[in-house]
Protein backbone atom coordinates (compact mmCIF):
# COMPACT_ATOMS: atom_id res chain seq x y z
CA MET A 1 13.08 -23.24 -7.14
CA SER A 2 16.33 -24.05 -7.21
CA ASP A 3 18.03 -27.26 -5.59
CA LEU A 4 21.95 -26.28 -5.01
CA ALA A 5 22.70 -29.15 -3.10
CA GLY A 6 21.47 -31.39 -6.46
CA LEU A 7 23.19 -29.16 -8.58
CA GLY A 8 26.54 -29.62 -6.60
CA ASP A 9 25.95 -33.32 -6.57
CA PHE A 10 25.65 -33.38 -10.59
CA LEU A 11 28.72 -31.21 -11.49
CA GLN A 12 30.70 -32.96 -9.14
CA ARG A 13 29.36 -36.72 -10.87
CA ARG A 14 30.29 -35.10 -13.95
CA ARG A 15 33.74 -33.61 -13.31
CA GLU A 16 34.58 -37.12 -11.93
CA ALA A 17 33.50 -38.95 -15.31
CA LEU A 18 35.79 -36.96 -17.42
CA GLN A 19 39.52 -37.36 -18.16
CA PRO A 20 41.68 -35.03 -19.13
CA GLU A 21 42.40 -36.18 -22.22
CA ASP A 22 38.30 -36.03 -22.86
CA VAL A 23 38.71 -32.25 -22.63
CA GLY A 24 41.98 -31.67 -24.38
CA LEU A 25 44.19 -31.03 -21.45
CA ALA A 26 47.33 -33.20 -20.67
CA ARG A 27 47.05 -35.75 -18.10
CA GLY A 28 50.46 -35.29 -16.36
CA VAL A 29 52.28 -37.67 -13.97
CA ARG A 30 50.79 -36.87 -10.67
CA ARG A 31 47.41 -37.44 -10.89
CA ARG A 32 45.46 -39.11 -8.06
CA THR A 33 41.70 -37.11 -8.71
CA ALA A 34 39.11 -39.41 -10.26
CA GLY A 35 38.45 -37.71 -13.50
CA LEU A 36 39.00 -33.92 -13.59
CA ARG A 37 40.38 -31.45 -10.72
CA ARG A 38 38.35 -28.67 -9.61
CA GLU A 39 40.82 -26.21 -11.00
CA GLU A 40 40.69 -27.49 -14.29
CA VAL A 41 36.69 -27.55 -14.80
CA ALA A 42 37.17 -23.67 -13.45
CA LEU A 43 39.66 -23.12 -16.22
CA LEU A 44 37.69 -25.00 -19.14
CA SER A 45 34.50 -23.03 -17.68
CA HIS A 46 35.91 -19.41 -17.35
CA MET A 47 35.51 -18.78 -13.66
CA SER A 48 37.76 -18.79 -10.60
CA THR A 49 38.41 -22.20 -8.69
CA ASP A 50 36.94 -21.11 -5.52
CA TYR A 51 33.50 -20.42 -7.42
CA TYR A 52 33.31 -23.74 -8.53
CA ALA A 53 34.23 -25.66 -5.68
CA ARG A 54 31.84 -23.17 -3.41
CA LEU A 55 29.07 -24.64 -6.94
CA GLU A 56 29.88 -28.18 -6.24
CA ARG A 57 29.52 -28.01 -2.03
CA GLY A 58 26.40 -25.87 -2.51
CA THR A 59 27.18 -22.89 -0.81
CA GLY A 60 27.88 -20.56 -3.27
CA PRO A 61 25.13 -18.14 -4.46
CA THR A 62 22.84 -19.09 -7.28
CA PRO A 63 24.74 -19.12 -10.35
CA SER A 64 23.94 -17.14 -13.53
CA GLU A 65 22.69 -18.49 -17.10
CA GLN A 66 25.84 -17.00 -17.94
CA MET A 67 27.72 -19.43 -15.52
CA LEU A 68 25.58 -22.16 -16.34
CA THR A 69 26.49 -21.63 -20.42
CA SER A 70 30.11 -21.78 -19.84
CA LEU A 71 29.72 -24.96 -16.96
CA ALA A 72 27.85 -26.59 -19.76
CA GLN A 73 30.82 -26.06 -22.30
CA GLY A 74 33.45 -26.87 -19.59
CA LEU A 75 32.03 -29.86 -18.80
CA HIS A 76 31.12 -30.98 -22.08
CA LEU A 77 27.56 -31.56 -21.40
CA SER A 78 24.97 -32.74 -23.76
CA LEU A 79 22.08 -30.68 -24.06
CA ALA A 80 20.00 -32.83 -21.99
CA GLU A 81 22.44 -31.88 -19.15
CA ARG A 82 22.82 -28.64 -20.10
CA ASP A 83 19.15 -28.09 -19.57
CA HIS A 84 19.07 -30.19 -15.90
CA VAL A 85 21.76 -28.42 -14.47
CA PHE A 86 19.67 -24.98 -15.60
CA ARG A 87 16.53 -26.27 -13.79
CA LEU A 88 18.65 -27.47 -10.40
CA ALA A 89 19.99 -23.52 -10.26
CA GLY A 90 15.77 -22.33 -10.63
CA HIS A 91 16.35 -21.34 -14.20
CA GLN A 92 14.27 -21.70 -17.68
CA PRO A 93 16.58 -23.69 -19.86
CA PRO A 94 17.49 -21.76 -23.01
CA ALA A 95 14.92 -22.46 -25.98
CA ARG A 96 16.31 -25.50 -28.18
CA HIS A 97 16.85 -24.17 -32.00
CA SER A 98 19.46 -23.82 -34.64
CA ALA A 99 20.92 -20.66 -33.37
CA THR A 100 22.08 -22.27 -30.26
CA GLU A 101 25.83 -21.53 -29.48
CA HIS A 102 25.88 -24.57 -27.18
CA ILE A 103 28.40 -26.52 -28.72
CA SER A 104 27.44 -30.69 -28.79
CA PRO A 105 30.44 -32.94 -26.85
CA GLY A 106 31.00 -35.15 -29.72
CA MET A 107 32.09 -32.14 -32.05
CA LEU A 108 34.06 -30.62 -29.14
CA ARG A 109 35.72 -33.86 -28.47
CA VAL A 110 37.10 -34.03 -32.28
CA LEU A 111 38.13 -29.78 -31.85
CA ASP A 112 40.35 -31.11 -28.50
CA ARG A 113 42.27 -33.50 -30.72
CA LEU A 114 42.96 -30.94 -33.24
CA ASP A 115 45.40 -29.53 -31.44
CA ASP A 116 48.52 -29.19 -34.13
CA THR A 117 45.63 -28.07 -36.97
CA PRO A 118 43.88 -24.81 -37.74
CA ALA A 119 40.41 -25.54 -36.77
CA GLU A 120 37.15 -23.54 -35.77
CA ILE A 121 33.64 -24.81 -34.69
CA VAL A 122 31.44 -21.83 -36.31
CA SER A 123 27.58 -20.82 -36.41
CA GLU A 124 25.58 -21.06 -38.96
CA LEU A 125 25.66 -17.23 -39.68
CA GLY A 126 29.82 -17.94 -39.73
CA GLU A 127 29.94 -17.01 -36.13
CA THR A 128 33.67 -18.93 -34.47
CA LEU A 129 32.52 -20.05 -31.51
CA ARG A 130 35.64 -22.01 -30.91
CA GLN A 131 39.44 -22.24 -31.93
CA SER A 132 42.20 -25.01 -31.34
CA ARG A 133 45.26 -24.00 -30.34
CA LEU A 134 46.65 -23.90 -33.93
CA GLY A 135 43.33 -21.87 -35.14
CA ALA A 136 44.35 -18.97 -32.86
CA ALA A 137 47.41 -18.65 -34.53
CA LEU A 138 46.47 -18.90 -37.70
CA LEU A 139 43.42 -16.58 -37.40
CA GLY A 140 43.57 -14.93 -34.07
CA ASP A 141 41.17 -15.32 -31.13
CA VAL A 142 38.03 -14.73 -33.52
CA THR A 143 35.93 -15.46 -30.36
CA LEU A 144 36.40 -12.49 -29.19
CA ARG A 145 34.38 -10.42 -31.41
CA THR A 146 30.91 -9.37 -30.67
CA GLY A 147 28.06 -7.99 -32.05
CA PRO A 148 27.07 -8.81 -35.76
CA SER A 149 31.09 -8.32 -37.01
CA ARG A 150 31.01 -11.95 -35.01
CA SER A 151 29.94 -13.24 -38.59
CA VAL A 152 32.40 -13.41 -41.00
CA GLY A 153 30.21 -12.79 -44.14
CA TYR A 154 29.36 -9.79 -42.60
CA ARG A 155 32.52 -8.51 -41.94
CA TRP A 156 33.11 -9.52 -45.47
CA PHE A 157 30.85 -6.41 -46.56
CA THR A 158 31.57 -4.05 -43.71
CA ASP A 159 35.08 -4.52 -43.27
CA PRO A 160 37.44 -3.64 -46.15
CA GLY A 161 40.29 -5.89 -44.37
CA ALA A 162 38.16 -9.33 -44.91
CA ARG A 163 39.31 -9.10 -48.48
CA ALA A 164 42.48 -8.09 -48.39
CA PRO A 165 44.38 -11.56 -49.59
CA TYR A 166 42.05 -11.82 -52.32
CA PRO A 167 42.17 -10.91 -56.45
CA ALA A 168 39.09 -8.76 -57.33
CA GLU A 169 37.85 -11.66 -59.50
CA GLU A 170 37.71 -14.35 -56.10
CA ALA A 171 36.49 -11.62 -53.99
CA ALA A 172 33.65 -10.97 -56.32
CA VAL A 173 33.02 -14.64 -55.97
CA LEU A 174 33.33 -14.93 -52.37
CA SER A 175 30.90 -11.88 -52.31
CA ARG A 176 28.18 -14.14 -53.99
CA VAL A 177 29.02 -17.05 -52.25
CA TYR A 178 27.84 -14.60 -48.62
CA ALA A 179 25.03 -13.24 -50.24
CA ALA A 180 23.62 -16.25 -51.46
CA GLY A 181 24.43 -18.14 -48.29
CA LEU A 182 22.56 -15.34 -46.35
CA ARG A 183 19.77 -15.51 -48.71
CA GLU A 184 19.25 -19.48 -47.89
CA LEU A 185 19.61 -18.92 -44.60
CA VAL A 186 16.70 -16.62 -43.94
CA ALA A 187 14.39 -18.41 -45.63
CA ALA A 188 15.04 -21.28 -44.14
CA ARG A 189 14.49 -19.52 -40.43
CA GLY A 190 12.11 -16.54 -41.81
CA PRO A 191 11.90 -13.36 -41.12
CA ASP A 192 11.98 -12.63 -37.64
CA SER A 193 15.35 -14.57 -37.55
CA ARG A 194 19.14 -13.25 -36.61
CA ALA A 195 19.83 -14.15 -40.42
CA ALA A 196 16.95 -11.95 -41.67
CA GLU A 197 18.28 -9.32 -39.17
CA LEU A 198 22.14 -9.77 -40.28
CA SER A 199 20.67 -8.99 -43.99
CA ASP A 200 18.73 -6.37 -43.33
CA ASP A 201 22.00 -4.29 -41.45
CA LEU A 202 24.19 -5.55 -44.80
CA ARG A 203 21.59 -3.91 -47.30
CA ALA A 204 21.28 -1.11 -44.98
CA ARG A 205 25.09 -0.53 -44.92
CA SER A 206 26.68 -2.18 -47.91
CA PRO A 207 25.59 -1.30 -51.92
CA GLU A 208 27.58 -4.29 -52.96
CA PHE A 209 24.81 -6.86 -50.58
CA ARG A 210 22.48 -4.87 -51.28
CA ALA A 211 22.67 -5.37 -55.55
CA LEU A 212 23.55 -9.10 -54.95
CA TRP A 213 20.80 -9.46 -52.40
CA ASP A 214 18.19 -8.08 -55.60
CA THR A 215 19.42 -11.09 -58.10
CA HIS A 216 18.32 -13.53 -55.30
CA GLU A 217 20.91 -16.08 -56.14
CA VAL A 218 21.14 -19.66 -54.43
CA GLY A 219 23.36 -22.22 -54.67
CA ALA A 220 27.05 -20.39 -54.96
CA ARG A 221 29.89 -22.67 -53.76
CA PRO A 222 32.99 -21.36 -52.46
CA PRO A 223 36.47 -22.04 -54.24
CA GLU A 224 38.07 -25.25 -52.97
CA ILE A 225 41.14 -23.47 -51.89
CA LYS A 226 41.01 -21.06 -48.85
CA ARG A 227 43.64 -18.41 -49.13
CA PHE A 228 45.09 -16.43 -45.63
CA HIS A 229 47.45 -13.83 -45.24
CA HIS A 230 49.46 -14.07 -42.31
CA PRO A 231 51.46 -10.85 -40.96
CA GLU A 232 54.32 -13.17 -39.89
CA VAL A 233 54.36 -15.96 -42.45
CA GLY A 234 52.66 -14.76 -44.81
CA ARG A 235 50.33 -15.85 -47.85
CA LEU A 236 49.02 -19.47 -47.41
CA ASP A 237 46.77 -21.83 -49.15
CA LEU A 238 44.34 -24.25 -47.29
CA SER A 239 41.90 -26.59 -48.25
CA CYS A 240 38.71 -26.69 -45.69
CA GLN A 241 37.10 -30.03 -44.46
CA THR A 242 33.87 -29.26 -42.89
CA LEU A 243 32.08 -31.86 -40.71
CA LEU A 244 28.20 -30.70 -40.06
CA ASP A 245 26.53 -31.45 -36.88
CA PRO A 246 22.45 -31.47 -38.03
CA GLU A 247 21.10 -30.60 -34.51
CA THR A 248 22.81 -27.40 -33.92
CA SER A 249 23.97 -26.33 -37.49
CA HIS A 250 27.37 -25.90 -36.16
CA ARG A 251 29.97 -26.84 -38.60
CA LEU A 252 33.29 -27.94 -37.64
CA LEU A 253 36.41 -26.26 -39.84
CA VAL A 254 39.34 -27.92 -40.65
CA TYR A 255 42.22 -26.32 -42.39
CA THR A 256 44.66 -28.59 -44.54
CA ALA A 257 47.64 -27.96 -46.85
CA GLN A 258 49.13 -30.06 -49.02
CA PRO A 259 51.96 -31.90 -47.89
CA GLY A 260 55.48 -31.03 -48.76
CA SER A 261 53.50 -27.33 -49.87
CA GLU A 262 55.12 -24.02 -48.76
CA SER A 263 52.08 -23.61 -47.05
CA ALA A 264 52.61 -26.94 -45.11
CA GLU A 265 55.67 -25.49 -43.57
CA LYS A 266 54.00 -22.13 -42.57
CA LEU A 267 51.88 -23.86 -40.55
CA ARG A 268 54.77 -25.68 -39.31
CA LEU A 269 56.02 -22.61 -38.47
CA LEU A 270 52.63 -21.10 -36.72
CA SER A 271 52.41 -23.84 -34.63
CA VAL A 272 55.26 -22.45 -32.62
CA LEU A 273 54.29 -18.87 -32.65
CA GLY A 274 51.22 -16.64 -30.86
CA PRO A 275 47.94 -16.44 -32.10
CA THR A 276 48.82 -13.19 -34.12
CA PRO A 277 45.43 -12.25 -36.25
CA ALA A 278 45.90 -13.15 -39.74
CA THR A 279 43.42 -11.97 -42.39
CA PRO A 280 40.78 -14.66 -43.68
CA GLY A 281 38.62 -14.37 -46.71
């Protein structure tokens, strides 16, 4: 049974508790609203302002699970708060497991402060869940991908463009890294996991992956420098720092260039360009 009035009250309380800087928005000079404005929450949650306002008033239709998921991320809810809004709307909360796409509020707050740095939050399968502004300029909006190709490891073995920036010997190393990483994940998550489905698909589609899979290699690690080729600024060599959320197995990847390098200058140029897709490895 749903409690839409209770849902509306909870959403309003959470909105009023957030400040623009908490969610990566500019405060502006004429702000009288306590916390975020309704239109700001609607923007963050990918819905119309009218629809969100009706939810707060308790007069709108019962929101779908997809809408609740968007609201939970837009309002930077914790997993407990996300589960609460699902129950208020009369839905069973999603199961809590490592494959969740709900990003923790703490990790979102870190990403929101990296507007001038290429960064992305990825799942344990290498699916990009959220990007910084400069991350989208470097990589394009990778969050728009669907199906198995959301996984960078899957694209590596099925899309020749994914390895275009790399010389053959470096591409061979990364092939081993992606195959070994997926093997470790299948062992950790089990034969009924999404990781196992991905490995089955790749073995059927890629002879290279199948041969690497049969070696049973684990523990392979990527090179310290990641190479990108952007259609407008050319090649960039970037270091990658990783922050792991152990509860969700999400990773925040932050790409940095050596100060004074050509890649650092290209990153500054990218900050004024739009999100033109690069070819990542």
